[in-house]
Amino acid sequence: MMTGAEKFVEADNAEAIITRIEHKSRKIESLLKQNKPVEALKTALEGSSHMIRDERCKSANWIVVHRALMAIKDVEGMFSSLDPEYYDILMKYLYRGLSTGDRPTCDQCLKIHEKLSQRAGLGCILRSLADTVNTV
């Protein structure tokens, strides 16, 4: 059985993780060029770095998720094709986006947060805020 500390990816694996994030970023850009923003968001959220302690990796992954989030124009439409398995991690990234203080980012995060809260309920918010160990 793994202890909490063993579940986290340590900094010595950071370069490999950054390489995977760069690959994911290229895939997301390709999806965005094909006008597939929801697929880009799913790709950004998959294998997300919430189990990583290295801040460089978290920042690199945030940049990728942010790019996909900002490309979403039809929030209602997004939820019609976004599986509920993504809701909790998406909520964490929305709070990260709100913490930036950047107006366009905050506006987009609030718009998505409203719809996500309606769909996922208060439990999603509480899980996101209560989990102070697995941050994004």
N, C-alpha and C. Protein backbone atom coordinates (compact mmCIF):
# COMPACT_ATOMS: atom_id res chain seq x y z
N MET A 1 0.85 -1.19 0.00
CA MET A 1 0.00 0.00 0.00
C MET A 1 0.89 1.24 0.00
N MET A 2 0.52 2.21 -0.81
CA MET A 2 1.33 3.42 -0.94
C MET A 2 0.94 4.43 0.12
N THR A 3 1.94 5.10 0.66
CA THR A 3 1.64 6.20 1.57
C THR A 3 1.32 7.43 0.73
N GLY A 4 0.78 8.46 1.37
CA GLY A 4 0.42 9.67 0.65
C GLY A 4 1.59 10.28 -0.10
N ALA A 5 2.76 10.28 0.51
CA ALA A 5 3.91 10.90 -0.13
C ALA A 5 4.35 10.13 -1.37
N GLU A 6 4.19 8.79 -1.37
CA GLU A 6 4.63 7.99 -2.50
C GLU A 6 3.73 8.16 -3.71
N LYS A 7 2.52 8.62 -3.51
CA LYS A 7 1.59 8.82 -4.62
C LYS A 7 2.00 10.02 -5.47
N PHE A 8 2.74 10.92 -4.90
CA PHE A 8 3.12 12.12 -5.61
C PHE A 8 4.33 11.88 -6.49
N VAL A 9 4.36 12.57 -7.61
CA VAL A 9 5.50 12.49 -8.50
C VAL A 9 6.54 13.48 -8.00
N GLU A 10 7.72 13.00 -7.82
CA GLU A 10 8.77 13.84 -7.27
C GLU A 10 9.45 14.68 -8.35
N ALA A 11 10.21 15.65 -7.91
CA ALA A 11 10.83 16.62 -8.80
C ALA A 11 11.82 15.98 -9.78
N ASP A 12 12.43 14.84 -9.43
CA ASP A 12 13.40 14.25 -10.34
C ASP A 12 12.74 13.72 -11.62
N ASN A 13 11.44 13.55 -11.61
CA ASN A 13 10.71 13.15 -12.81
C ASN A 13 10.16 14.37 -13.55
N ALA A 14 10.46 15.55 -13.07
CA ALA A 14 9.86 16.77 -13.61
C ALA A 14 10.14 16.96 -15.09
N GLU A 15 11.36 16.67 -15.53
CA GLU A 15 11.69 16.88 -16.94
C GLU A 15 10.86 15.98 -17.85
N ALA A 16 10.66 14.73 -17.43
CA ALA A 16 9.82 13.81 -18.21
C ALA A 16 8.38 14.30 -18.24
N ILE A 17 7.93 14.82 -17.13
CA ILE A 17 6.54 15.33 -17.06
C ILE A 17 6.39 16.57 -17.94
N ILE A 18 7.37 17.45 -17.90
CA ILE A 18 7.33 18.65 -18.75
C ILE A 18 7.29 18.24 -20.22
N THR A 19 8.04 17.23 -20.58
CA THR A 19 8.04 16.75 -21.97
C THR A 19 6.65 16.24 -22.36
N ARG A 20 5.99 15.50 -21.46
CA ARG A 20 4.63 15.02 -21.74
C ARG A 20 3.66 16.19 -21.86
N ILE A 21 3.83 17.19 -21.03
CA ILE A 21 2.95 18.37 -21.09
C ILE A 21 3.16 19.12 -22.40
N GLU A 22 4.40 19.22 -22.86
CA GLU A 22 4.67 19.87 -24.14
C GLU A 22 4.01 19.12 -25.29
N HIS A 23 4.06 17.79 -25.23
CA HIS A 23 3.39 16.96 -26.25
C HIS A 23 1.88 17.21 -26.21
N LYS A 24 1.34 17.24 -25.00
CA LYS A 24 -0.10 17.50 -24.82
C LYS A 24 -0.45 18.88 -25.38
N SER A 25 0.41 19.85 -25.17
CA SER A 25 0.18 21.20 -25.66
C SER A 25 0.08 21.23 -27.18
N ARG A 26 0.96 20.50 -27.84
CA ARG A 26 0.92 20.44 -29.31
C ARG A 26 -0.39 19.79 -29.79
N LYS A 27 -0.82 18.76 -29.10
CA LYS A 27 -2.07 18.08 -29.45
C LYS A 27 -3.26 19.03 -29.27
N ILE A 28 -3.23 19.80 -28.19
CA ILE A 28 -4.31 20.76 -27.92
C ILE A 28 -4.35 21.84 -28.99
N GLU A 29 -3.20 22.35 -29.37
CA GLU A 29 -3.16 23.37 -30.44
C GLU A 29 -3.74 22.83 -31.73
N SER A 30 -3.43 21.58 -32.03
CA SER A 30 -3.96 20.94 -33.24
C SER A 30 -5.49 20.83 -33.16
N LEU A 31 -6.00 20.43 -31.99
CA LEU A 31 -7.45 20.32 -31.82
C LEU A 31 -8.13 21.69 -31.92
N LEU A 32 -7.48 22.71 -31.38
CA LEU A 32 -8.05 24.05 -31.45
C LEU A 32 -8.09 24.56 -32.89
N LYS A 33 -7.05 24.24 -33.67
CA LYS A 33 -7.03 24.63 -35.08
C LYS A 33 -8.12 23.92 -35.87
N GLN A 34 -8.52 22.73 -35.39
CA GLN A 34 -9.61 21.97 -36.03
C GLN A 34 -10.97 22.40 -35.48
N ASN A 35 -10.99 23.44 -34.67
CA ASN A 35 -12.22 23.96 -34.04
C ASN A 35 -12.89 22.89 -33.16
N LYS A 36 -12.08 22.23 -32.33
CA LYS A 36 -12.57 21.21 -31.40
C LYS A 36 -12.16 21.60 -29.97
N PRO A 37 -12.73 22.70 -29.44
CA PRO A 37 -12.30 23.19 -28.13
C PRO A 37 -12.63 22.24 -26.97
N VAL A 38 -13.74 21.52 -27.06
CA VAL A 38 -14.09 20.60 -25.96
C VAL A 38 -13.12 19.43 -25.93
N GLU A 39 -12.76 18.93 -27.10
CA GLU A 39 -11.76 17.85 -27.16
C GLU A 39 -10.42 18.35 -26.63
N ALA A 40 -10.10 19.60 -26.94
CA ALA A 40 -8.86 20.19 -26.43
C ALA A 40 -8.89 20.27 -24.90
N LEU A 41 -10.04 20.66 -24.35
CA LEU A 41 -10.16 20.75 -22.90
C LEU A 41 -10.04 19.37 -22.26
N LYS A 42 -10.71 18.38 -22.84
CA LYS A 42 -10.60 17.01 -22.32
C LYS A 42 -9.14 16.56 -22.32
N THR A 43 -8.45 16.82 -23.40
CA THR A 43 -7.04 16.44 -23.51
C THR A 43 -6.22 17.14 -22.45
N ALA A 44 -6.52 18.42 -22.23
CA ALA A 44 -5.78 19.19 -21.22
C ALA A 44 -6.01 18.64 -19.81
N LEU A 45 -7.22 18.20 -19.54
CA LEU A 45 -7.56 17.72 -18.20
C LEU A 45 -7.10 16.27 -17.96
N GLU A 46 -6.95 15.50 -19.02
CA GLU A 46 -6.53 14.11 -18.88
C GLU A 46 -5.11 14.04 -18.34
N GLY A 47 -4.92 13.15 -17.40
CA GLY A 47 -3.59 12.98 -16.82
C GLY A 47 -3.08 14.25 -16.18
N SER A 48 -4.00 15.03 -15.67
CA SER A 48 -3.67 16.32 -15.09
C SER A 48 -2.69 16.17 -13.93
N SER A 49 -2.00 17.24 -13.65
CA SER A 49 -0.88 17.19 -12.70
C SER A 49 -1.28 17.42 -11.26
N HIS A 50 -2.51 17.06 -10.87
CA HIS A 50 -2.92 17.32 -9.48
C HIS A 50 -2.18 16.43 -8.48
N MET A 51 -1.47 15.41 -8.94
CA MET A 51 -0.69 14.55 -8.04
C MET A 51 0.80 14.91 -8.09
N ILE A 52 1.11 16.02 -8.66
CA ILE A 52 2.50 16.45 -8.82
C ILE A 52 2.80 17.58 -7.86
N ARG A 53 3.92 17.50 -7.19
CA ARG A 53 4.31 18.56 -6.26
C ARG A 53 5.16 19.64 -6.91
N ASP A 54 5.85 19.29 -7.98
CA ASP A 54 6.77 20.22 -8.62
C ASP A 54 6.00 21.40 -9.24
N GLU A 55 6.30 22.60 -8.77
CA GLU A 55 5.56 23.79 -9.22
C GLU A 55 5.77 24.10 -10.70
N ARG A 56 6.94 23.76 -11.24
CA ARG A 56 7.17 23.99 -12.67
C ARG A 56 6.19 23.17 -13.51
N CYS A 57 5.97 21.93 -13.09
CA CYS A 57 5.04 21.05 -13.80
C CYS A 57 3.62 21.55 -13.66
N LYS A 58 3.26 21.98 -12.46
CA LYS A 58 1.91 22.51 -12.25
C LYS A 58 1.68 23.74 -13.11
N SER A 59 2.66 24.61 -13.17
CA SER A 59 2.53 25.82 -13.98
C SER A 59 2.44 25.50 -15.46
N ALA A 60 3.26 24.57 -15.91
CA ALA A 60 3.23 24.18 -17.32
C ALA A 60 1.88 23.58 -17.68
N ASN A 61 1.35 22.76 -16.80
CA ASN A 61 0.04 22.15 -17.07
C ASN A 61 -1.06 23.20 -17.02
N TRP A 62 -0.96 24.16 -16.10
CA TRP A 62 -1.96 25.23 -16.03
C TRP A 62 -2.00 26.01 -17.34
N ILE A 63 -0.87 26.29 -17.92
CA ILE A 63 -0.81 27.03 -19.19
C ILE A 63 -1.59 26.28 -20.27
N VAL A 64 -1.43 24.96 -20.30
CA VAL A 64 -2.12 24.13 -21.29
C VAL A 64 -3.63 24.14 -21.04
N VAL A 65 -4.02 23.95 -19.79
CA VAL A 65 -5.45 23.95 -19.44
C VAL A 65 -6.05 25.33 -19.72
N HIS A 66 -5.33 26.37 -19.36
CA HIS A 66 -5.81 27.75 -19.57
C HIS A 66 -6.07 28.00 -21.05
N ARG A 67 -5.17 27.56 -21.89
CA ARG A 67 -5.33 27.76 -23.34
C ARG A 67 -6.62 27.11 -23.82
N ALA A 68 -6.89 25.89 -23.33
CA ALA A 68 -8.10 25.18 -23.74
C ALA A 68 -9.35 25.85 -23.15
N LEU A 69 -9.27 26.27 -21.88
CA LEU A 69 -10.42 26.92 -21.24
C LEU A 69 -10.83 28.20 -21.98
N MET A 70 -9.84 28.97 -22.35
CA MET A 70 -10.13 30.26 -22.99
C MET A 70 -10.70 30.09 -24.40
N ALA A 71 -10.53 28.91 -24.99
CA ALA A 71 -11.06 28.67 -26.33
C ALA A 71 -12.53 28.26 -26.31
N ILE A 72 -13.06 27.93 -25.14
CA ILE A 72 -14.46 27.51 -25.03
C ILE A 72 -15.37 28.72 -25.23
N LYS A 73 -16.21 28.64 -26.22
CA LYS A 73 -17.17 29.72 -26.49
C LYS A 73 -18.58 29.34 -26.06
N ASP A 74 -18.94 28.08 -26.29
CA ASP A 74 -20.28 27.59 -25.97
C ASP A 74 -20.20 26.73 -24.71
N VAL A 75 -20.40 27.37 -23.55
CA VAL A 75 -20.26 26.67 -22.28
C VAL A 75 -21.33 25.59 -22.13
N GLU A 76 -22.56 25.89 -22.50
CA GLU A 76 -23.63 24.88 -22.44
C GLU A 76 -23.28 23.68 -23.31
N GLY A 77 -22.83 23.96 -24.51
CA GLY A 77 -22.44 22.90 -25.44
C GLY A 77 -21.29 22.08 -24.92
N MET A 78 -20.39 22.73 -24.22
CA MET A 78 -19.24 22.02 -23.64
C MET A 78 -19.72 20.93 -22.70
N PHE A 79 -20.69 21.25 -21.86
CA PHE A 79 -21.15 20.28 -20.88
C PHE A 79 -21.96 19.14 -21.50
N SER A 80 -22.48 19.36 -22.68
CA SER A 80 -23.21 18.26 -23.32
C SER A 80 -22.26 17.16 -23.79
N SER A 81 -20.97 17.50 -23.94
CA SER A 81 -20.02 16.47 -24.37
C SER A 81 -18.85 16.26 -23.40
N LEU A 82 -18.90 16.90 -22.24
CA LEU A 82 -17.84 16.70 -21.24
C LEU A 82 -18.34 15.72 -20.18
N ASP A 83 -17.63 14.62 -20.03
CA ASP A 83 -18.03 13.59 -19.07
C ASP A 83 -17.89 14.09 -17.64
N PRO A 84 -18.79 13.64 -16.75
CA PRO A 84 -18.74 14.04 -15.35
C PRO A 84 -17.42 13.71 -14.64
N GLU A 85 -16.68 12.75 -15.17
CA GLU A 85 -15.39 12.41 -14.55
C GLU A 85 -14.42 13.59 -14.55
N TYR A 86 -14.65 14.56 -15.42
CA TYR A 86 -13.77 15.73 -15.53
C TYR A 86 -14.19 16.87 -14.60
N TYR A 87 -15.36 16.80 -14.00
CA TYR A 87 -15.91 17.92 -13.27
C TYR A 87 -15.04 18.39 -12.10
N ASP A 88 -14.58 17.47 -11.27
CA ASP A 88 -13.81 17.87 -10.09
C ASP A 88 -12.48 18.53 -10.46
N ILE A 89 -11.77 17.94 -11.41
CA ILE A 89 -10.48 18.53 -11.80
C ILE A 89 -10.70 19.86 -12.52
N LEU A 90 -11.78 19.96 -13.30
CA LEU A 90 -12.10 21.23 -13.95
C LEU A 90 -12.36 22.30 -12.91
N MET A 91 -13.09 21.96 -11.85
CA MET A 91 -13.38 22.93 -10.79
C MET A 91 -12.08 23.44 -10.17
N LYS A 92 -11.13 22.54 -9.94
CA LYS A 92 -9.84 22.98 -9.36
C LYS A 92 -9.15 23.98 -10.28
N TYR A 93 -9.19 23.70 -11.58
CA TYR A 93 -8.55 24.63 -12.52
C TYR A 93 -9.31 25.95 -12.62
N LEU A 94 -10.61 25.92 -12.45
CA LEU A 94 -11.37 27.17 -12.45
C LEU A 94 -10.95 28.05 -11.28
N TYR A 95 -10.76 27.45 -10.13
CA TYR A 95 -10.29 28.23 -8.97
C TYR A 95 -8.87 28.73 -9.18
N ARG A 96 -8.05 27.93 -9.83
CA ARG A 96 -6.70 28.42 -10.14
C ARG A 96 -6.79 29.62 -11.08
N GLY A 97 -7.67 29.53 -12.05
CA GLY A 97 -7.86 30.65 -12.98
C GLY A 97 -8.36 31.90 -12.28
N LEU A 98 -9.30 31.72 -11.36
CA LEU A 98 -9.81 32.88 -10.61
C LEU A 98 -8.72 33.51 -9.76
N SER A 99 -7.79 32.71 -9.29
CA SER A 99 -6.73 33.24 -8.43
C SER A 99 -5.71 34.09 -9.20
N THR A 100 -5.74 34.04 -10.53
CA THR A 100 -4.79 34.83 -11.30
C THR A 100 -5.09 36.32 -11.24
N GLY A 101 -6.39 36.66 -11.09
CA GLY A 101 -6.77 38.06 -11.09
C GLY A 101 -6.85 38.66 -12.49
N ASP A 102 -6.53 37.88 -13.51
CA ASP A 102 -6.60 38.34 -14.90
C ASP A 102 -8.07 38.42 -15.31
N ARG A 103 -8.52 39.58 -15.74
CA ARG A 103 -9.95 39.81 -16.00
C ARG A 103 -10.55 38.84 -17.01
N PRO A 104 -9.96 38.68 -18.21
CA PRO A 104 -10.57 37.74 -19.16
C PRO A 104 -10.59 36.30 -18.64
N THR A 105 -9.54 35.91 -17.95
CA THR A 105 -9.49 34.56 -17.38
C THR A 105 -10.57 34.40 -16.31
N CYS A 106 -10.68 35.37 -15.44
CA CYS A 106 -11.69 35.31 -14.37
C CYS A 106 -13.10 35.30 -14.95
N ASP A 107 -13.35 36.12 -15.96
CA ASP A 107 -14.67 36.15 -16.59
C ASP A 107 -15.02 34.78 -17.16
N GLN A 108 -14.08 34.16 -17.86
CA GLN A 108 -14.33 32.85 -18.45
C GLN A 108 -14.52 31.79 -17.36
N CYS A 109 -13.68 31.84 -16.34
CA CYS A 109 -13.79 30.86 -15.25
C CYS A 109 -15.11 31.00 -14.51
N LEU A 110 -15.56 32.22 -14.28
CA LEU A 110 -16.85 32.42 -13.61
C LEU A 110 -18.01 31.91 -14.46
N LYS A 111 -17.93 32.14 -15.75
CA LYS A 111 -18.98 31.68 -16.66
C LYS A 111 -19.08 30.14 -16.61
N ILE A 112 -17.93 29.48 -16.66
CA ILE A 112 -17.91 28.02 -16.63
C ILE A 112 -18.28 27.52 -15.23
N HIS A 113 -17.81 28.22 -14.19
CA HIS A 113 -18.11 27.82 -12.81
C HIS A 113 -19.61 27.80 -12.56
N GLU A 114 -20.31 28.80 -13.06
CA GLU A 114 -21.76 28.86 -12.86
C GLU A 114 -22.43 27.61 -13.43
N LYS A 115 -22.08 27.26 -14.66
CA LYS A 115 -22.71 26.11 -15.32
C LYS A 115 -22.24 24.80 -14.69
N LEU A 116 -20.98 24.73 -14.31
CA LEU A 116 -20.46 23.52 -13.67
C LEU A 116 -21.13 23.29 -12.32
N SER A 117 -21.32 24.35 -11.56
CA SER A 117 -21.98 24.24 -10.26
C SER A 117 -23.42 23.76 -10.41
N GLN A 118 -24.10 24.25 -11.43
CA GLN A 118 -25.47 23.80 -11.68
C GLN A 118 -25.51 22.32 -12.03
N ARG A 119 -24.53 21.87 -12.80
CA ARG A 119 -24.49 20.48 -13.24
C ARG A 119 -23.97 19.53 -12.17
N ALA A 120 -22.88 19.91 -11.53
CA ALA A 120 -22.18 18.99 -10.63
C ALA A 120 -22.62 19.15 -9.18
N GLY A 121 -23.24 20.26 -8.85
CA GLY A 121 -23.70 20.48 -7.49
C GLY A 121 -22.62 21.01 -6.56
N LEU A 122 -23.02 21.24 -5.32
CA LEU A 122 -22.11 21.81 -4.33
C LEU A 122 -21.00 20.85 -3.94
N GLY A 123 -21.25 19.56 -4.08
CA GLY A 123 -20.22 18.57 -3.74
C GLY A 123 -18.94 18.79 -4.52
N CYS A 124 -19.07 19.15 -5.77
CA CYS A 124 -17.90 19.40 -6.62
C CYS A 124 -17.09 20.58 -6.08
N ILE A 125 -17.78 21.62 -5.65
CA ILE A 125 -17.11 22.79 -5.08
C ILE A 125 -16.41 22.40 -3.78
N LEU A 126 -17.13 21.70 -2.92
CA LEU A 126 -16.57 21.31 -1.63
C LEU A 126 -15.37 20.39 -1.78
N ARG A 127 -15.44 19.42 -2.68
CA ARG A 127 -14.30 18.52 -2.90
C ARG A 127 -13.09 19.31 -3.39
N SER A 128 -13.34 20.25 -4.27
CA SER A 128 -12.24 21.05 -4.82
C SER A 128 -11.57 21.91 -3.74
N LEU A 129 -12.38 22.56 -2.92
CA LEU A 129 -11.84 23.44 -1.90
C LEU A 129 -11.23 22.68 -0.72
N ALA A 130 -11.81 21.52 -0.40
CA ALA A 130 -11.34 20.75 0.75
C ALA A 130 -10.05 20.00 0.47
N ASP A 131 -9.78 19.69 -0.78
CA ASP A 131 -8.58 18.93 -1.12
C ASP A 131 -7.39 19.88 -1.26
N THR A 132 -6.71 20.08 -0.15
CA THR A 132 -5.56 21.00 -0.15
C THR A 132 -4.26 20.28 -0.42
N VAL A 133 -4.31 18.96 -0.58
CA VAL A 133 -3.09 18.19 -0.86
C VAL A 133 -2.86 18.07 -2.36
N ASN A 134 -3.91 17.73 -3.10
CA ASN A 134 -3.80 17.52 -4.55
C ASN A 134 -4.17 18.80 -5.29
N THR A 135 -3.29 19.76 -5.25
CA THR A 135 -3.56 21.06 -5.87
C THR A 135 -3.09 21.07 -7.33
N VAL A 136 -3.63 22.01 -8.10
CA VAL A 136 -3.26 22.09 -9.50
C VAL A 136 -2.42 23.31 -9.78
